[in-house]
């Protein structure tokens, strides 16, 4: 459970940090948005290193599914666009893939 919460923290930190750059470059917001954005991206990197995985690549691959689900939550909660059934299906497929990566049996 702790690993999933860490992935969720990492996802929202990454999305928030990237959104700060989006707001600055695409929405015309102040460059001051970059300061909390960079701090949020640093939090993302730190959080992802807290995941209990033997290899960074496997941790990052599994994180991808959580990131996609969190992105759709951001889309709905922050940007006001409700995800459609295709978004939901895509997220479910990605989460299934992440579960296979995280929990699949490993050979010796």
PDB file of N, CA and C in Angstrom:
ATOM      1  N   UNK A   1       0.828  -1.204   0.000  1.00  0.00           N
ATOM      2  CA  UNK A   1       0.000   0.000   0.000  1.00  0.00           C
ATOM      3  C   UNK A   1       0.863   1.254   0.000  1.00  0.00           C
ATOM      4  N   UNK A   2       1.963   1.221   0.754  1.00  0.00           N
ATOM      5  CA  UNK A   2       2.845   2.382   0.818  1.00  0.00           C
ATOM      6  C   UNK A   2       3.407   2.712  -0.564  1.00  0.00           C
ATOM      7  N   UNK A   3       3.726   1.665  -1.340  1.00  0.00           N
ATOM      8  CA  UNK A   3       4.263   1.871  -2.684  1.00  0.00           C
ATOM      9  C   UNK A   3       3.270   2.580  -3.590  1.00  0.00           C
ATOM     10  N   UNK A   4       2.006   2.198  -3.498  1.00  0.00           N
ATOM     11  CA  UNK A   4       0.982   2.832  -4.327  1.00  0.00           C
ATOM     12  C   UNK A   4       0.815   4.290  -3.934  1.00  0.00           C
ATOM     13  N   UNK A   5       0.808   4.574  -2.643  1.00  0.00           N
ATOM     14  CA  UNK A   5       0.700   5.969  -2.193  1.00  0.00           C
ATOM     15  C   UNK A   5       1.903   6.787  -2.653  1.00  0.00           C
ATOM     16  N   UNK A   6       3.071   6.165  -2.659  1.00  0.00           N
ATOM     17  CA  UNK A   6       4.276   6.864  -3.130  1.00  0.00           C
ATOM     18  C   UNK A   6       4.163   7.164  -4.619  1.00  0.00           C
ATOM     19  N   UNK A   7       3.663   6.194  -5.381  1.00  0.00           N
ATOM     20  CA  UNK A   7       3.440   6.432  -6.815  1.00  0.00           C
ATOM     21  C   UNK A   7       2.441   7.563  -7.037  1.00  0.00           C
ATOM     22  N   UNK A   8       1.392   7.614  -6.238  1.00  0.00           N
ATOM     23  CA  UNK A   8       0.385   8.671  -6.377  1.00  0.00           C
ATOM     24  C   UNK A   8       1.001  10.031  -6.049  1.00  0.00           C
ATOM     25  N   UNK A   9       1.792  10.095  -4.979  1.00  0.00           N
ATOM     26  CA  UNK A   9       2.489  11.340  -4.642  1.00  0.00           C
ATOM     27  C   UNK A   9       3.389  11.767  -5.803  1.00  0.00           C
ATOM     28  N   UNK A  10       4.148  10.832  -6.337  1.00  0.00           N
ATOM     29  CA  UNK A  10       5.045  11.140  -7.455  1.00  0.00           C
ATOM     30  C   UNK A  10       4.261  11.649  -8.658  1.00  0.00           C
ATOM     31  N   UNK A  11       3.137  11.013  -8.943  1.00  0.00           N
ATOM     32  CA  UNK A  11       2.348  11.408 -10.116  1.00  0.00           C
ATOM     33  C   UNK A  11       1.830  12.837  -9.991  1.00  0.00           C
ATOM     34  N   UNK A  12       1.241  13.160  -8.846  1.00  0.00           N
ATOM     35  CA  UNK A  12       0.703  14.508  -8.718  1.00  0.00           C
ATOM     36  C   UNK A  12       1.806  15.563  -8.631  1.00  0.00           C
ATOM     37  N   UNK A  13       2.951  15.193  -8.078  1.00  0.00           N
ATOM     38  CA  UNK A  13       4.080  16.127  -8.068  1.00  0.00           C
ATOM     39  C   UNK A  13       4.578  16.374  -9.495  1.00  0.00           C
ATOM     40  N   UNK A  14       4.664  15.316 -10.288  1.00  0.00           N
ATOM     41  CA  UNK A  14       5.114  15.492 -11.674  1.00  0.00           C
ATOM     42  C   UNK A  14       4.104  16.288 -12.490  1.00  0.00           C
ATOM     43  N   UNK A  15       2.835  15.945 -12.363  1.00  0.00           N
ATOM     44  CA  UNK A  15       1.805  16.657 -13.119  1.00  0.00           C
ATOM     45  C   UNK A  15       1.763  18.123 -12.712  1.00  0.00           C
ATOM     46  N   UNK A  16       1.818  18.395 -11.416  1.00  0.00           N
ATOM     47  CA  UNK A  16       1.801  19.787 -10.949  1.00  0.00           C
ATOM     48  C   UNK A  16       3.004  20.567 -11.458  1.00  0.00           C
ATOM     49  N   UNK A  17       4.181  19.944 -11.419  1.00  0.00           N
ATOM     50  CA  UNK A  17       5.382  20.613 -11.907  1.00  0.00           C
ATOM     51  C   UNK A  17       5.322  20.892 -13.394  1.00  0.00           C
ATOM     52  N   UNK A  18       4.872  19.913 -14.151  1.00  0.00           N
ATOM     53  CA  UNK A  18       4.757  20.111 -15.603  1.00  0.00           C
ATOM     54  C   UNK A  18       3.663  21.113 -15.935  1.00  0.00           C
ATOM     55  N   UNK A  19       2.585  21.100 -15.154  1.00  0.00           N
ATOM     56  CA  UNK A  19       1.515  22.062 -15.411  1.00  0.00           C
ATOM     57  C   UNK A  19       1.989  23.493 -15.176  1.00  0.00           C
ATOM     58  N   UNK A  20       2.895  23.681 -14.237  1.00  0.00           N
ATOM     59  CA  UNK A  20       3.425  25.030 -14.003  1.00  0.00           C
ATOM     60  C   UNK A  20       4.118  25.549 -15.266  1.00  0.00           C
ATOM     61  N   UNK A  21       4.872  24.684 -15.931  1.00  0.00           N
ATOM     62  CA  UNK A  21       5.505  25.084 -17.191  1.00  0.00           C
ATOM     63  C   UNK A  21       4.454  25.321 -18.275  1.00  0.00           C
ATOM     64  N   UNK A  22       3.439  24.468 -18.318  1.00  0.00           N
ATOM     65  CA  UNK A  22       2.342  24.619 -19.279  1.00  0.00           C
ATOM     66  C   UNK A  22       1.656  25.980 -19.058  1.00  0.00           C
ATOM     67  N   UNK A  23       1.375  26.286 -17.793  1.00  0.00           N
ATOM     68  CA  UNK A  23       0.708  27.552 -17.475  1.00  0.00           C
ATOM     69  C   UNK A  23       1.547  28.739 -17.928  1.00  0.00           C
ATOM     70  N   UNK A  24       2.846  28.665 -17.722  1.00  0.00           N
ATOM     71  CA  UNK A  24       3.730  29.751 -18.119  1.00  0.00           C
ATOM     72  C   UNK A  24       3.804  29.884 -19.642  1.00  0.00           C
ATOM     73  N   UNK A  25       4.048  28.770 -20.328  1.00  0.00           N
ATOM     74  CA  UNK A  25       4.293  28.840 -21.770  1.00  0.00           C
ATOM     75  C   UNK A  25       3.025  28.828 -22.620  1.00  0.00           C
ATOM     76  N   UNK A  26       1.978  28.174 -22.151  1.00  0.00           N
ATOM     77  CA  UNK A  26       0.782  28.038 -22.986  1.00  0.00           C
ATOM     78  C   UNK A  26      -0.376  28.909 -22.529  1.00  0.00           C
ATOM     79  N   UNK A  27      -0.400  29.244 -21.244  1.00  0.00           N
ATOM     80  CA  UNK A  27      -1.511  30.029 -20.720  1.00  0.00           C
ATOM     81  C   UNK A  27      -1.114  31.465 -20.390  1.00  0.00           C
ATOM     82  N   UNK A  28       0.145  31.809 -20.640  1.00  0.00           N
ATOM     83  CA  UNK A  28       0.592  33.182 -20.431  1.00  0.00           C
ATOM     84  C   UNK A  28       0.736  33.603 -18.984  1.00  0.00           C
ATOM     85  N   UNK A  29       0.898  32.650 -18.077  1.00  0.00           N
ATOM     86  CA  UNK A  29       1.068  32.990 -16.668  1.00  0.00           C
ATOM     87  C   UNK A  29       2.485  33.488 -16.403  1.00  0.00           C
ATOM     88  N   UNK A  30       2.683  34.052 -15.257  1.00  0.00           N
ATOM     89  CA  UNK A  30       3.967  34.618 -14.852  1.00  0.00           C
ATOM     90  C   UNK A  30       5.065  33.551 -14.800  1.00  0.00           C
ATOM     91  N   UNK A  31       6.296  33.933 -15.120  1.00  0.00           N
ATOM     92  CA  UNK A  31       7.405  32.986 -14.959  1.00  0.00           C
ATOM     93  C   UNK A  31       7.609  32.554 -13.504  1.00  0.00           C
ATOM     94  N   UNK A  32       7.001  33.262 -12.565  1.00  0.00           N
ATOM     95  CA  UNK A  32       7.087  32.858 -11.160  1.00  0.00           C
ATOM     96  C   UNK A  32       6.456  31.485 -10.926  1.00  0.00           C
ATOM     97  N   UNK A  33       5.603  31.056 -11.833  1.00  0.00           N
ATOM     98  CA  UNK A  33       5.029  29.714 -11.738  1.00  0.00           C
ATOM     99  C   UNK A  33       6.115  28.646 -11.800  1.00  0.00           C
ATOM    100  N   UNK A  34       7.263  28.988 -12.372  1.00  0.00           N
ATOM    101  CA  UNK A  34       8.329  27.996 -12.541  1.00  0.00           C
ATOM    102  C   UNK A  34       8.964  27.593 -11.208  1.00  0.00           C
ATOM    103  N   UNK A  35       8.979  28.473 -10.245  1.00  0.00           N
ATOM    104  CA  UNK A  35       9.618  28.142  -8.962  1.00  0.00           C
ATOM    105  C   UNK A  35       8.897  26.989  -8.251  1.00  0.00           C
ATOM    106  N   UNK A  36       7.587  27.080  -8.013  1.00  0.00           N
ATOM    107  CA  UNK A  36       6.928  25.923  -7.403  1.00  0.00           C
ATOM    108  C   UNK A  36       6.899  24.730  -8.354  1.00  0.00           C
ATOM    109  N   UNK A  37       6.905  24.994  -9.649  1.00  0.00           N
ATOM    110  CA  UNK A  37       6.930  23.906 -10.608  1.00  0.00           C
ATOM    111  C   UNK A  37       8.206  23.090 -10.495  1.00  0.00           C
ATOM    112  N   UNK A  38       9.331  23.758 -10.384  1.00  0.00           N
ATOM    113  CA  UNK A  38      10.607  23.046 -10.250  1.00  0.00           C
ATOM    114  C   UNK A  38      10.688  22.312  -8.903  1.00  0.00           C
ATOM    115  N   UNK A  39      10.163  22.929  -7.859  1.00  0.00           N
ATOM    116  CA  UNK A  39      10.141  22.254  -6.554  1.00  0.00           C
ATOM    117  C   UNK A  39       9.268  21.004  -6.621  1.00  0.00           C
ATOM    118  N   UNK A  40       8.156  21.103  -7.321  1.00  0.00           N
ATOM    119  CA  UNK A  40       7.267  19.965  -7.471  1.00  0.00           C
ATOM    120  C   UNK A  40       7.938  18.841  -8.269  1.00  0.00           C
ATOM    121  N   UNK A  41       8.689  19.200  -9.301  1.00  0.00           N
ATOM    122  CA  UNK A  41       9.404  18.185 -10.080  1.00  0.00           C
ATOM    123  C   UNK A  41      10.511  17.527  -9.257  1.00  0.00           C
ATOM    124  N   UNK A  42      11.142  18.288  -8.371  1.00  0.00           N
ATOM    125  CA  UNK A  42      12.145  17.699  -7.479  1.00  0.00           C
ATOM    126  C   UNK A  42      11.472  16.728  -6.507  1.00  0.00           C
ATOM    127  N   UNK A  43      10.298  17.087  -5.992  1.00  0.00           N
ATOM    128  CA  UNK A  43       9.539  16.186  -5.122  1.00  0.00           C
ATOM    129  C   UNK A  43       9.182  14.903  -5.868  1.00  0.00           C
ATOM    130  N   UNK A  44       8.789  15.040  -7.123  1.00  0.00           N
ATOM    131  CA  UNK A  44       8.486  13.872  -7.958  1.00  0.00           C
ATOM    132  C   UNK A  44       9.682  12.935  -8.037  1.00  0.00           C
ATOM    133  N   UNK A  45      10.843  13.478  -8.354  1.00  0.00           N
ATOM    134  CA  UNK A  45      12.045  12.643  -8.484  1.00  0.00           C
ATOM    135  C   UNK A  45      12.386  11.972  -7.153  1.00  0.00           C
ATOM    136  N   UNK A  46      12.287  12.709  -6.069  1.00  0.00           N
ATOM    137  CA  UNK A  46      12.569  12.139  -4.752  1.00  0.00           C
ATOM    138  C   UNK A  46      11.583  11.020  -4.432  1.00  0.00           C
ATOM    139  N   UNK A  47      10.281  11.269  -4.656  1.00  0.00           N
ATOM    140  CA  UNK A  47       9.257  10.282  -4.320  1.00  0.00           C
ATOM    141  C   UNK A  47       9.457   8.989  -5.107  1.00  0.00           C
ATOM    142  N   UNK A  48       9.812   9.104  -6.376  1.00  0.00           N
ATOM    143  CA  UNK A  48       9.972   7.904  -7.190  1.00  0.00           C
ATOM    144  C   UNK A  48      11.141   7.053  -6.714  1.00  0.00           C
ATOM    145  N   UNK A  49      12.126   7.665  -6.071  1.00  0.00           N
ATOM    146  CA  UNK A  49      13.236   6.869  -5.533  1.00  0.00           C
ATOM    147  C   UNK A  49      12.847   6.131  -4.250  1.00  0.00           C
ATOM    148  N   UNK A  50      11.709   6.476  -3.662  1.00  0.00           N
ATOM    149  CA  UNK A  50      11.251   5.819  -2.434  1.00  0.00           C
ATOM    150  C   UNK A  50      10.512   4.514  -2.715  1.00  0.00           C
ATOM    151  N   UNK A  51      10.190   4.249  -3.986  1.00  0.00           N
ATOM    152  CA  UNK A  51       9.470   3.025  -4.338  1.00  0.00           C
ATOM    153  C   UNK A  51      10.392   1.832  -4.140  1.00  0.00           C
ATOM    154  N   UNK A  52       9.849   0.784  -3.520  1.00  0.00           N
ATOM    155  CA  UNK A  52      10.628  -0.420  -3.258  1.00  0.00           C
ATOM    156  C   UNK A  52      10.691  -1.271  -4.524  1.00  0.00           C
ATOM    157  N   UNK A  53      11.756  -1.112  -5.296  1.00  0.00           N
ATOM    158  CA  UNK A  53      11.966  -1.885  -6.519  1.00  0.00           C
ATOM    159  C   UNK A  53      13.460  -2.144  -6.662  1.00  0.00           C
ATOM    160  N   UNK A  54      13.789  -3.304  -7.217  1.00  0.00           N
ATOM    161  CA  UNK A  54      15.196  -3.655  -7.394  1.00  0.00           C
ATOM    162  C   UNK A  54      15.859  -2.864  -8.523  1.00  0.00           C
ATOM    163  N   UNK A  55      15.060  -2.444  -9.493  1.00  0.00           N
ATOM    164  CA  UNK A  55      15.605  -1.749 -10.655  1.00  0.00           C
ATOM    165  C   UNK A  55      14.795  -0.486 -10.936  1.00  0.00           C
ATOM    166  N   UNK A  56      15.483   0.594 -11.237  1.00  0.00           N
ATOM    167  CA  UNK A  56      14.816   1.864 -11.519  1.00  0.00           C
ATOM    168  C   UNK A  56      13.885   1.741 -12.716  1.00  0.00           C
ATOM    169  N   UNK A  57      14.326   1.084 -13.760  1.00  0.00           N
ATOM    170  CA  UNK A  57      13.504   0.957 -14.961  1.00  0.00           C
ATOM    171  C   UNK A  57      12.167   0.285 -14.689  1.00  0.00           C
ATOM    172  N   UNK A  58      12.163  -0.725 -13.836  1.00  0.00           N
ATOM    173  CA  UNK A  58      10.912  -1.403 -13.494  1.00  0.00           C
ATOM    174  C   UNK A  58      10.016  -0.482 -12.675  1.00  0.00           C
ATOM    175  N   UNK A  59      10.588   0.267 -11.758  1.00  0.00           N
ATOM    176  CA  UNK A  59       9.800   1.227 -10.968  1.00  0.00           C
ATOM    177  C   UNK A  59       9.182   2.284 -11.877  1.00  0.00           C
ATOM    178  N   UNK A  60       9.957   2.773 -12.842  1.00  0.00           N
ATOM    179  CA  UNK A  60       9.452   3.800 -13.759  1.00  0.00           C
ATOM    180  C   UNK A  60       8.363   3.240 -14.663  1.00  0.00           C
ATOM    181  N   UNK A  61       8.545   2.008 -15.131  1.00  0.00           N
ATOM    182  CA  UNK A  61       7.555   1.400 -16.018  1.00  0.00           C
ATOM    183  C   UNK A  61       6.222   1.217 -15.303  1.00  0.00           C
ATOM    184  N   UNK A  62       6.269   0.716 -14.089  1.00  0.00           N
ATOM    185  CA  UNK A  62       5.033   0.525 -13.324  1.00  0.00           C
ATOM    186  C   UNK A  62       4.394   1.872 -12.992  1.00  0.00           C
ATOM    187  N   UNK A  63       5.204   2.869 -12.734  1.00  0.00           N
ATOM    188  CA  UNK A  63       4.711   4.210 -12.425  1.00  0.00           C
ATOM    189  C   UNK A  63       3.878   4.778 -13.569  1.00  0.00           C
ATOM    190  N   UNK A  64       4.205   4.387 -14.792  1.00  0.00           N
ATOM    191  CA  UNK A  64       3.498   4.916 -15.959  1.00  0.00           C
ATOM    192  C   UNK A  64       1.992   4.744 -15.873  1.00  0.00           C
ATOM    193  N   UNK A  65       1.535   3.585 -15.415  1.00  0.00           N
ATOM    194  CA  UNK A  65       0.093   3.366 -15.294  1.00  0.00           C
ATOM    195  C   UNK A  65      -0.549   4.281 -14.276  1.00  0.00           C
ATOM    196  N   UNK A  66       0.115   4.466 -13.159  1.00  0.00           N
ATOM    197  CA  UNK A  66      -0.400   5.359 -12.113  1.00  0.00           C
ATOM    198  C   UNK A  66      -0.416   6.799 -12.630  1.00  0.00           C
ATOM    199  N   UNK A  67       0.617   7.187 -13.355  1.00  0.00           N
ATOM    200  CA  UNK A  67       0.693   8.538 -13.919  1.00  0.00           C
ATOM    201  C   UNK A  67      -0.488   8.811 -14.853  1.00  0.00           C
ATOM    202  N   UNK A  68      -0.817   7.842 -15.682  1.00  0.00           N
ATOM    203  CA  UNK A  68      -1.921   8.026 -16.623  1.00  0.00           C
ATOM    204  C   UNK A  68      -3.236   8.221 -15.873  1.00  0.00           C
ATOM    205  N   UNK A  69      -3.485   7.401 -14.871  1.00  0.00           N
ATOM    206  CA  UNK A  69      -4.712   7.550 -14.087  1.00  0.00           C
ATOM    207  C   UNK A  69      -4.740   8.909 -13.378  1.00  0.00           C
ATOM    208  N   UNK A  70      -3.625   9.302 -12.789  1.00  0.00           N
ATOM    209  CA  UNK A  70      -3.555  10.601 -12.107  1.00  0.00           C
ATOM    210  C   UNK A  70      -3.751  11.754 -13.092  1.00  0.00           C
ATOM    211  N   UNK A  71      -3.223  11.608 -14.299  1.00  0.00           N
ATOM    212  CA  UNK A  71      -3.395  12.647 -15.318  1.00  0.00           C
ATOM    213  C   UNK A  71      -4.857  12.839 -15.675  1.00  0.00           C
ATOM    214  N   UNK A  72      -5.595  11.742 -15.747  1.00  0.00           N
ATOM    215  CA  UNK A  72      -7.021  11.856 -16.040  1.00  0.00           C
ATOM    216  C   UNK A  72      -7.767  12.484 -14.860  1.00  0.00           C
ATOM    217  N   UNK A  73      -7.326  12.192 -13.643  1.00  0.00           N
ATOM    218  CA  UNK A  73      -7.896  12.872 -12.481  1.00  0.00           C
ATOM    219  C   UNK A  73      -7.637  14.368 -12.528  1.00  0.00           C
ATOM    220  N   UNK A  74      -6.431  14.742 -12.922  1.00  0.00           N
ATOM    221  CA  UNK A  74      -6.068  16.157 -13.077  1.00  0.00           C
ATOM    222  C   UNK A  74      -6.932  16.808 -14.158  1.00  0.00           C
ATOM    223  N   UNK A  75      -7.084  16.108 -15.277  1.00  0.00           N
ATOM    224  CA  UNK A  75      -7.908  16.602 -16.383  1.00  0.00           C
ATOM    225  C   UNK A  75      -9.297  16.970 -15.886  1.00  0.00           C
ATOM    226  N   UNK A  76      -9.864  16.108 -15.067  1.00  0.00           N
ATOM    227  CA  UNK A  76     -11.225  16.310 -14.580  1.00  0.00           C
ATOM    228  C   UNK A  76     -11.273  17.352 -13.467  1.00  0.00           C
ATOM    229  N   UNK A  77     -10.422  17.206 -12.456  1.00  0.00           N
ATOM    230  CA  UNK A  77     -10.489  18.068 -11.270  1.00  0.00           C
ATOM    231  C   UNK A  77      -9.967  19.477 -11.507  1.00  0.00           C
ATOM    232  N   UNK A  78      -8.883  19.606 -12.245  1.00  0.00           N
ATOM    233  CA  UNK A  78      -8.245  20.915 -12.400  1.00  0.00           C
ATOM    234  C   UNK A  78      -8.663  21.608 -13.691  1.00  0.00           C
ATOM    235  N   UNK A  79      -8.737  20.846 -14.777  1.00  0.00           N
ATOM    236  CA  UNK A  79      -9.029  21.452 -16.069  1.00  0.00           C
ATOM    237  C   UNK A  79     -10.505  21.408 -16.449  1.00  0.00           C
ATOM    238  N   UNK A  80     -11.296  20.692 -15.662  1.00  0.00           N
ATOM    239  CA  UNK A  80     -12.737  20.692 -15.874  1.00  0.00           C
ATOM    240  C   UNK A  80     -13.229  19.896 -17.071  1.00  0.00           C
ATOM    241  N   UNK A  81     -12.410  19.013 -17.620  1.00  0.00           N
ATOM    242  CA  UNK A  81     -12.824  18.175 -18.748  1.00  0.00           C
ATOM    243  C   UNK A  81     -12.986  16.743 -18.252  1.00  0.00           C
ATOM    244  N   UNK A  82     -14.185  16.233 -18.314  1.00  0.00           N
ATOM    245  CA  UNK A  82     -14.462  14.887 -17.806  1.00  0.00           C
ATOM    246  C   UNK A  82     -13.883  13.844 -18.767  1.00  0.00           C
ATOM    247  N   UNK A  83     -13.111  12.899 -18.229  1.00  0.00           N
ATOM    248  CA  UNK A  83     -12.594  11.825 -19.077  1.00  0.00           C
ATOM    249  C   UNK A  83     -13.751  11.012 -19.673  1.00  0.00           C
ATOM    250  N   UNK A  84     -13.568  10.537 -20.912  1.00  0.00           N
ATOM    251  CA  UNK A  84     -14.605   9.735 -21.541  1.00  0.00           C
ATOM    252  C   UNK A  84     -14.300   8.242 -21.384  1.00  0.00           C
ATOM    253  N   UNK A  85     -15.118   7.415 -21.959  1.00  0.00           N
ATOM    254  CA  UNK A  85     -14.953   5.962 -21.788  1.00  0.00           C
ATOM    255  C   UNK A  85     -13.643   5.466 -22.365  1.00  0.00           C
ATOM    256  N   UNK A  86     -13.147   6.111 -23.409  1.00  0.00           N
ATOM    257  CA  UNK A  86     -11.878   5.697 -24.011  1.00  0.00           C
ATOM    258  C   UNK A  86     -10.712   6.050 -23.104  1.00  0.00           C
ATOM    259  N   UNK A  87     -10.821   7.175 -22.424  1.00  0.00           N
ATOM    260  CA  UNK A  87      -9.811   7.521 -21.420  1.00  0.00           C
ATOM    261  C   UNK A  87      -9.799   6.476 -20.309  1.00  0.00           C
ATOM    262  N   UNK A  88     -10.993   6.113 -19.839  1.00  0.00           N
ATOM    263  CA  UNK A  88     -11.109   5.131 -18.751  1.00  0.00           C
ATOM    264  C   UNK A  88     -10.575   3.766 -19.185  1.00  0.00           C
ATOM    265  N   UNK A  89     -10.909   3.339 -20.394  1.00  0.00           N
ATOM    266  CA  UNK A  89     -10.418   2.055 -20.885  1.00  0.00           C
ATOM    267  C   UNK A  89      -8.897   2.064 -21.015  1.00  0.00           C
ATOM    268  N   UNK A  90      -8.357   3.130 -21.564  1.00  0.00           N
ATOM    269  CA  UNK A  90      -6.906   3.236 -21.695  1.00  0.00           C
ATOM    270  C   UNK A  90      -6.202   3.208 -20.350  1.00  0.00           C
ATOM    271  N   UNK A  91      -6.762   3.927 -19.377  1.00  0.00           N
ATOM    272  CA  UNK A  91      -6.165   3.937 -18.037  1.00  0.00           C
ATOM    273  C   UNK A  91      -6.228   2.553 -17.405  1.00  0.00           C
ATOM    274  N   UNK A  92      -7.353   1.856 -17.587  1.00  0.00           N
ATOM    275  CA  UNK A  92      -7.488   0.507 -17.022  1.00  0.00           C
ATOM    276  C   UNK A  92      -6.450  -0.437 -17.630  1.00  0.00           C
ATOM    277  N   UNK A  93      -6.253  -0.354 -18.930  1.00  0.00           N
ATOM    278  CA  UNK A  93      -5.241  -1.189 -19.588  1.00  0.00           C
ATOM    279  C   UNK A  93      -3.842  -0.883 -19.059  1.00  0.00           C
ATOM    280  N   UNK A  94      -3.564   0.391 -18.873  1.00  0.00           N
ATOM    281  CA  UNK A  94      -2.245   0.781 -18.356  1.00  0.00           C
ATOM    282  C   UNK A  94      -2.040   0.308 -16.925  1.00  0.00           C
ATOM    283  N   UNK A  95      -3.081   0.415 -16.096  1.00  0.00           N
ATOM    284  CA  UNK A  95      -2.973  -0.065 -14.717  1.00  0.00           C
ATOM    285  C   UNK A  95      -2.799  -1.576 -14.667  1.00  0.00           C
ATOM    286  N   UNK A  96      -3.461  -2.276 -15.569  1.00  0.00           N
ATOM    287  CA  UNK A  96      -3.268  -3.722 -15.647  1.00  0.00           C
ATOM    288  C   UNK A  96      -1.808  -4.033 -15.995  1.00  0.00           C
ATOM    289  N   UNK A  97      -1.274  -3.309 -16.961  1.00  0.00           N
ATOM    290  CA  UNK A  97       0.137  -3.487 -17.325  1.00  0.00           C
ATOM    291  C   UNK A  97       1.068  -3.169 -16.170  1.00  0.00           C
ATOM    292  N   UNK A  98       0.775  -2.112 -15.445  1.00  0.00           N
ATOM    293  CA  UNK A  98       1.604  -1.748 -14.289  1.00  0.00           C
ATOM    294  C   UNK A  98       1.552  -2.841 -13.228  1.00  0.00           C
ATOM    295  N   UNK A  99       0.364  -3.430 -13.013  1.00  0.00           N
ATOM    296  CA  UNK A  99       0.233  -4.507 -12.025  1.00  0.00           C
ATOM    297  C   UNK A  99       1.045  -5.730 -12.442  1.00  0.00           C
ATOM    298  N   UNK A 100       1.041  -6.034 -13.733  1.00  0.00           N
ATOM    299  CA  UNK A 100       1.844  -7.166 -14.221  1.00  0.00           C
ATOM    300  C   UNK A 100       3.324  -6.900 -13.960  1.00  0.00           C
ATOM    301  N   UNK A 101       3.768  -5.683 -14.237  1.00  0.00           N
ATOM    302  CA  UNK A 101       5.176  -5.335 -14.011  1.00  0.00           C
ATOM    303  C   UNK A 101       5.522  -5.415 -12.529  1.00  0.00           C
ATOM    304  N   UNK A 102       4.668  -4.888 -11.674  1.00  0.00           N
ATOM    305  CA  UNK A 102       4.956  -4.849 -10.240  1.00  0.00           C
ATOM    306  C   UNK A 102       4.841  -6.200  -9.564  1.00  0.00           C
ATOM    307  N   UNK A 103       3.818  -6.971  -9.919  1.00  0.00           N
ATOM    308  CA  UNK A 103       3.504  -8.166  -9.150  1.00  0.00           C
ATOM    309  C   UNK A 103       3.764  -9.482  -9.874  1.00  0.00           C
ATOM    310  N   UNK A 104       4.221  -9.394 -11.115  1.00  0.00           N
ATOM    311  CA  UNK A 104       4.500 -10.632 -11.865  1.00  0.00           C
ATOM    312  C   UNK A 104       5.621 -11.423 -11.232  1.00  0.00           C
ATOM    313  N   UNK A 105       5.526 -12.764 -11.299  1.00  0.00           N
ATOM    314  CA  UNK A 105       6.589 -13.601 -10.720  1.00  0.00           C
ATOM    315  C   UNK A 105       7.894 -13.400 -11.498  1.00  0.00           C
ATOM    316  N   UNK A 106       8.966 -13.349 -10.790  1.00  0.00           N
ATOM    317  CA  UNK A 106      10.290 -13.159 -11.385  1.00  0.00           C
ATOM    318  C   UNK A 106      11.079 -14.453 -11.286  1.00  0.00           C
ATOM    319  N   UNK A 107      11.748 -14.786 -12.381  1.00  0.00           N
ATOM    320  CA  UNK A 107      12.623 -15.958 -12.380  1.00  0.00           C
ATOM    321  C   UNK A 107      13.893 -15.677 -11.592  1.00  0.00           C
ATOM    322  N   UNK A 108      14.617 -16.709 -11.327  1.00  0.00           N
ATOM    323  CA  UNK A 108      15.857 -16.585 -10.537  1.00  0.00           C
ATOM    324  C   UNK A 108      16.889 -15.907 -11.287  1.00  0.00           C
TER     325      UNK A 108
END
